[in-house]
Structures are given as C-alpha cells and as structure tokens.
Protein backbone atom coordinates (compact mmCIF):
# COMPACT_ATOMS: atom_id res chain seq x y z
CA UNK A 1 99.70 86.08 96.32
CA UNK A 2 99.37 83.51 98.92
CA UNK A 3 97.03 83.77 101.88
CA UNK A 4 98.60 82.73 105.09
CA UNK A 5 96.37 80.68 107.34
CA UNK A 6 96.39 79.50 111.10
CA UNK A 7 94.27 76.52 112.22
CA UNK A 8 93.19 76.70 115.93
CA UNK A 9 91.67 73.77 117.25
CA UNK A 10 92.11 71.34 120.32
CA UNK A 11 91.40 68.16 118.26
CA UNK A 12 94.22 66.97 116.37
CA UNK A 13 91.44 65.35 113.88
CA UNK A 14 89.74 68.74 113.04
CA UNK A 15 92.98 70.41 112.59
CA UNK A 16 93.92 67.36 110.47
CA UNK A 17 90.80 67.82 107.90
CA UNK A 18 91.26 71.74 107.69
CA UNK A 19 94.98 71.12 107.28
CA UNK A 20 94.05 68.97 103.99
CA UNK A 21 91.77 71.06 103.07
CA UNK A 22 94.21 74.08 102.81
CA UNK A 23 96.66 71.74 100.99
CA UNK A 24 93.78 71.57 98.05
CA UNK A 25 93.71 75.14 97.97
CA UNK A 26 96.29 76.61 95.68
CA UNK A 27 95.69 80.10 96.74
CA UNK A 28 96.04 79.06 100.51
CA UNK A 29 99.10 78.58 102.70
CA UNK A 30 99.15 77.00 106.23
CA UNK A 31 101.40 78.97 108.16
CA UNK A 32 100.97 77.34 111.63
CA UNK A 33 98.70 75.16 113.62
CA UNK A 34 97.46 75.45 117.75
CA UNK A 35 95.82 73.36 120.00
CA UNK A 36 94.72 76.71 122.38
CA UNK A 37 93.71 80.11 121.99
CA UNK A 38 96.99 81.02 124.05
CA UNK A 39 99.00 79.13 121.37
CA UNK A 40 97.57 80.94 118.97
CA UNK A 41 97.80 84.44 120.44
CA UNK A 42 101.69 84.01 120.51
CA UNK A 43 101.23 82.88 116.98
CA UNK A 44 99.51 85.98 115.99
CA UNK A 45 102.01 87.90 117.27
CA UNK A 46 105.05 86.54 115.65
CA UNK A 47 103.63 85.33 112.24
CA UNK A 48 102.38 86.79 109.53
CA UNK A 49 98.13 85.60 109.40
CA UNK A 50 95.82 86.47 107.03
CA UNK A 51 93.31 84.19 107.64
CA UNK A 52 92.03 82.12 110.95
CA UNK A 53 90.89 79.11 110.96
CA UNK A 54 89.33 78.94 114.92
CA UNK A 55 87.07 76.07 116.27
CA UNK A 56 84.64 77.95 118.96
CA UNK A 57 85.09 75.56 121.92
CA UNK A 58 88.43 75.07 123.67
CA UNK A 59 89.77 73.77 126.97
CA UNK A 60 90.66 77.71 128.74
CA UNK A 61 90.33 80.28 127.06
CA UNK A 62 87.31 79.77 123.78
CA UNK A 63 87.54 80.59 120.32
CA UNK A 64 85.07 83.34 121.33
CA UNK A 65 87.29 85.01 124.05
CA UNK A 66 90.24 84.75 121.58
CA UNK A 67 87.99 86.62 119.10
CA UNK A 68 86.62 89.04 121.55
CA UNK A 69 90.08 90.64 122.01
CA UNK A 70 91.70 90.46 118.52
CA UNK A 71 93.79 93.62 118.38
CA UNK A 72 94.96 93.21 115.09
CA UNK A 73 92.40 92.87 112.15
CA UNK A 74 92.08 89.34 110.81
CA UNK A 75 89.73 87.25 108.23
CA UNK A 76 88.28 84.84 110.65
CA UNK A 77 86.22 81.47 109.89
CA UNK A 78 84.95 79.85 112.92
CA UNK A 79 84.31 76.36 113.37
CA UNK A 80 81.90 74.62 115.57
CA UNK A 81 79.86 71.68 116.44
CA UNK A 82 76.72 73.80 116.76
CA UNK A 83 75.21 76.94 115.47
CA UNK A 84 74.49 78.55 118.91
CA UNK A 85 77.56 81.09 118.29
CA UNK A 86 76.77 82.10 114.94
CA UNK A 87 74.54 85.26 115.83
CA UNK A 88 77.20 86.53 117.80
CA UNK A 89 80.16 85.58 115.58
CA UNK A 90 78.64 87.76 112.58
CA UNK A 91 77.94 90.87 114.83
CA UNK A 92 81.91 90.26 114.99
CA UNK A 93 82.21 90.63 111.32
CA UNK A 94 83.75 86.74 110.93
CA UNK A 95 84.19 85.88 107.22
CA UNK A 96 82.07 82.28 107.61
CA UNK A 97 80.65 79.90 109.98
CA UNK A 98 81.30 76.27 109.86
CA UNK A 99 79.25 73.70 111.42
CA UNK A 100 81.15 70.14 112.03
CA UNK A 101 81.28 68.04 109.64
CA UNK A 102 81.60 70.05 106.71
CA UNK A 103 82.80 69.06 103.34
CA UNK A 104 85.33 70.44 101.40
CA UNK A 105 82.63 72.28 98.61
CA UNK A 106 81.29 74.01 101.76
CA UNK A 107 85.19 74.75 102.85
CA UNK A 108 85.98 76.37 99.00
CA UNK A 109 82.74 78.69 99.54
CA UNK A 110 84.09 79.98 102.68
CA UNK A 111 87.86 80.48 101.77
CA UNK A 112 86.61 82.05 98.55
CA UNK A 113 84.64 84.70 100.38
CA UNK A 114 87.99 85.08 102.83
CA UNK A 115 89.91 85.53 99.72
CA UNK A 116 87.98 88.35 98.24
CA UNK A 117 88.04 90.19 101.17
CA UNK A 118 92.14 90.05 101.74
CA UNK A 119 92.46 90.82 98.33
CA UNK A 120 90.48 94.13 98.83
CA UNK A 121 92.11 94.89 101.85
CA UNK A 122 95.48 94.55 100.07
CA UNK A 123 94.55 96.55 96.98
CA UNK A 124 93.36 99.34 99.52
CA UNK A 125 96.34 99.30 101.55
CA UNK A 126 98.85 99.42 98.26
CA UNK A 127 97.03 102.51 97.22
CA UNK A 128 97.75 104.26 100.45
CA UNK A 129 100.61 106.84 100.27
CA UNK A 130 100.81 108.10 103.74
CA UNK A 131 99.77 107.11 107.42
CA UNK A 132 98.64 109.23 110.27
CA UNK A 133 100.00 108.29 113.51
CA UNK A 134 98.90 110.05 117.05
CA UNK A 135 101.55 111.73 119.05
CA UNK A 136 100.36 113.95 121.95
CA UNK A 137 96.63 115.20 121.49
CA UNK A 138 96.71 115.30 117.48
CA UNK A 139 97.14 112.97 114.11
CA UNK A 140 100.44 113.10 112.64
CA UNK A 141 100.78 112.66 108.37
CA UNK A 142 103.90 110.60 107.70
CA UNK A 143 104.32 110.26 103.66
CA UNK A 144 105.41 106.78 102.79
CA UNK A 145 108.45 108.45 101.11
CA UNK A 146 109.49 110.17 104.07
CA UNK A 147 109.50 106.75 106.38
CA UNK A 148 112.87 105.18 106.49
CA UNK A 149 111.98 102.52 108.95
CA UNK A 150 109.70 101.07 111.73
CA UNK A 151 111.11 99.75 115.13
CA UNK A 152 109.36 97.90 117.77
CA UNK A 153 110.54 98.49 121.46
CA UNK A 154 108.37 96.69 124.18
CA UNK A 155 104.62 97.49 123.72
CA UNK A 156 105.50 100.51 121.25
CA UNK A 157 106.17 101.07 117.67
CA UNK A 158 108.58 103.80 116.88
CA UNK A 159 108.42 105.60 113.08
CA UNK A 160 111.61 106.77 112.07
CA UNK A 161 112.13 110.02 109.72
CA UNK A 162 114.80 111.50 108.79
CA UNK A 163 113.78 114.68 110.96
CA UNK A 164 111.77 113.18 113.50
CA UNK A 165 110.18 109.65 115.29
CA UNK A 166 107.22 109.28 116.46
CA UNK A 167 106.24 106.66 119.16
CA UNK A 168 103.16 105.21 119.05
CA UNK A 169 101.43 102.37 121.18
CA UNK A 170 100.63 99.65 118.80
CA UNK A 171 101.50 96.00 117.53
CA UNK A 172 104.08 95.22 114.73
CA UNK A 173 101.84 92.93 113.23
CA UNK A 174 99.23 95.33 113.05
CA UNK A 175 101.13 97.99 111.55
CA UNK A 176 102.73 95.51 108.68
CA UNK A 177 99.31 94.72 107.85
CA UNK A 178 98.65 98.30 107.46
CA UNK A 179 101.49 99.37 105.04
CA UNK A 180 101.80 98.58 101.33
CA UNK A 181 104.25 95.63 100.32
CA UNK A 182 105.46 97.71 97.28
CA UNK A 183 107.43 99.84 100.04
CA UNK A 184 107.83 98.19 103.38
CA UNK A 185 109.47 94.85 103.93
CA UNK A 186 109.82 93.22 107.35
CA UNK A 187 113.64 91.89 107.72
CA UNK A 188 113.58 91.38 111.75
CA UNK A 189 111.04 90.60 114.38
CA UNK A 190 111.83 94.09 115.54
CA UNK A 191 112.13 96.19 112.16
CA UNK A 192 110.47 96.94 108.89
CA UNK A 193 112.54 98.97 106.69
CA UNK A 194 111.07 101.07 103.73
CA UNK A 195 112.76 99.14 100.44
CA UNK A 196 113.07 102.44 98.64
CA UNK A 197 115.40 104.14 101.35
CA UNK A 198 118.10 101.11 101.46
CA UNK A 199 121.49 102.58 100.97
CA UNK A 200 123.33 98.82 101.09
CA UNK A 201 123.39 95.48 102.57
CA UNK A 202 126.36 94.80 104.28
CA UNK A 203 127.00 91.51 106.72
CA UNK A 204 123.48 90.92 106.35
CA UNK A 205 122.48 94.30 107.81
CA UNK A 206 120.46 96.85 105.99
CA UNK A 207 121.99 100.19 105.98
CA UNK A 208 119.51 103.22 105.82
CA UNK A 209 121.41 106.25 106.30
CA UNK A 210 123.43 106.03 109.10
CA UNK A 211 121.44 103.28 110.71
CA UNK A 212 122.53 99.56 110.27
CA UNK A 213 119.94 97.00 110.60
CA UNK A 214 119.43 93.35 111.16
CA UNK A 215 118.02 90.77 109.07
CA UNK A 216 116.73 88.15 110.81
CA UNK A 217 117.18 84.44 109.72
CA UNK A 218 113.41 83.74 109.27
CA UNK A 219 113.26 86.86 107.01
CA UNK A 220 116.26 86.93 104.83
CA UNK A 221 115.22 84.85 102.10
CA UNK A 222 111.72 86.82 101.41
CA UNK A 223 113.34 89.67 101.81
CA UNK A 224 116.28 89.10 99.49
CA UNK A 225 113.61 88.11 96.93
CA UNK A 226 112.44 91.69 96.92
CA UNK A 227 115.52 93.23 95.68
CA UNK A 228 117.01 93.29 92.00
CA UNK A 229 120.31 92.02 92.39
CA UNK A 230 122.85 91.71 89.39
C-alpha cells in the first residue's frame, strides 16, 4: 500500500526537491504540498496523510509550532537548514531529521524508516476488533461488528450502532486512522461506513439499515474499488 505524503515548505525549490525524490520512490505518493503551516493544517484535516515532510522555519507559524500542536498522529520527517532543533524534534518522536542540502540516499534512508513504522501501525490497526469511546465518565467498548457508520458533526464524531449512538469530541481524520481498512471506508467528508454493514447502493448513496449516506465525488472511485461487483 502506498504512503500518502504532504510536503510543507515555504521555499518552492525545496518543495520541488522533495517532490522529485518522492516520485523516485515506489512506495510514496504525493497527496499535496503547502507553503505554510496554516495551509498544512487544513490539508491534514481534509486528506488522508501518512507522512509529513515538514520544514522547520517558515513565515508565521513555524514547522515546530505545527509539530507541537498536531492532534492526529502522523509520521513526520523534519527538514531544516541547521541542526539546532534536532533535540526537540526527536523528543517529539519525529521519524527523522534531514539537514539541507541532502541527497536521495539520505532521503531514502529516512523514508524507509517511516515505511517500517507506518506498516507496523497499519498491521496493528488491522488486528483490532473493537474501539473504546469515552461517554460521560466511562469508556464503552464497541465491537467493529456492531458499528454501522461514523458521522462527523462540527467538532464531534458520532459512532452509530443498531442500538445506540456515542458522541465523542474528536476529528474524523483521527478516527479514520484508528480503524481497520478491512472493515471501514470513508465515503464522504462527513461519513465512514462499515463495509460489512452495507445493504445496498442507490443513486450514489450507501444504504445501511434505514440510513441513506451520500457518497462524495472525491471518495467514489476508491470506495467502489473496495466492492465486489458482478
């Protein structure tokens, strides 16, 4: 499976170098590029990003500022013209720290390390059979077999089962990364469905029980590839 990458650097030349190295690496896929930390935050909320190439010094919010406030766990390779931030970077569990200028062999060494970490996380996620969500003062276990679909509403996520719904303060991207792809698929910016609970497809909608869920245009092709059409 490909690793989706986001390149964040205010210098176009630096972004071009990283993008060229990504294109040379078979297991990497460029998902997006950004000139600022603010734009990166938006991309991280909207796209499924596995690996972040993050420049340390940028106008406005710096790469280190973004790293300190990342809500969803991502693997991060920091890029800098100096080594002064390396100590804090590794304290924050970045995968690697590249000092400009760097050549492709050093880049490949860093992304191979990221690949190992990401594949281990994916394997662990696929082996999970349930999720625990906090409701009131306790954590409730929801087996994946019971979970019908997940809905985003403002700053909250709603887990829907046949008998109950659970409202959690979380992000859709954070939830998506913690669910096994063998069970779940994103079909819309506001919906993740349990593929094993789908009853039918009707006019670009997924039907689960009595609920009709829209399929977003940007998710349609990937979702349809998951289905066993005759």
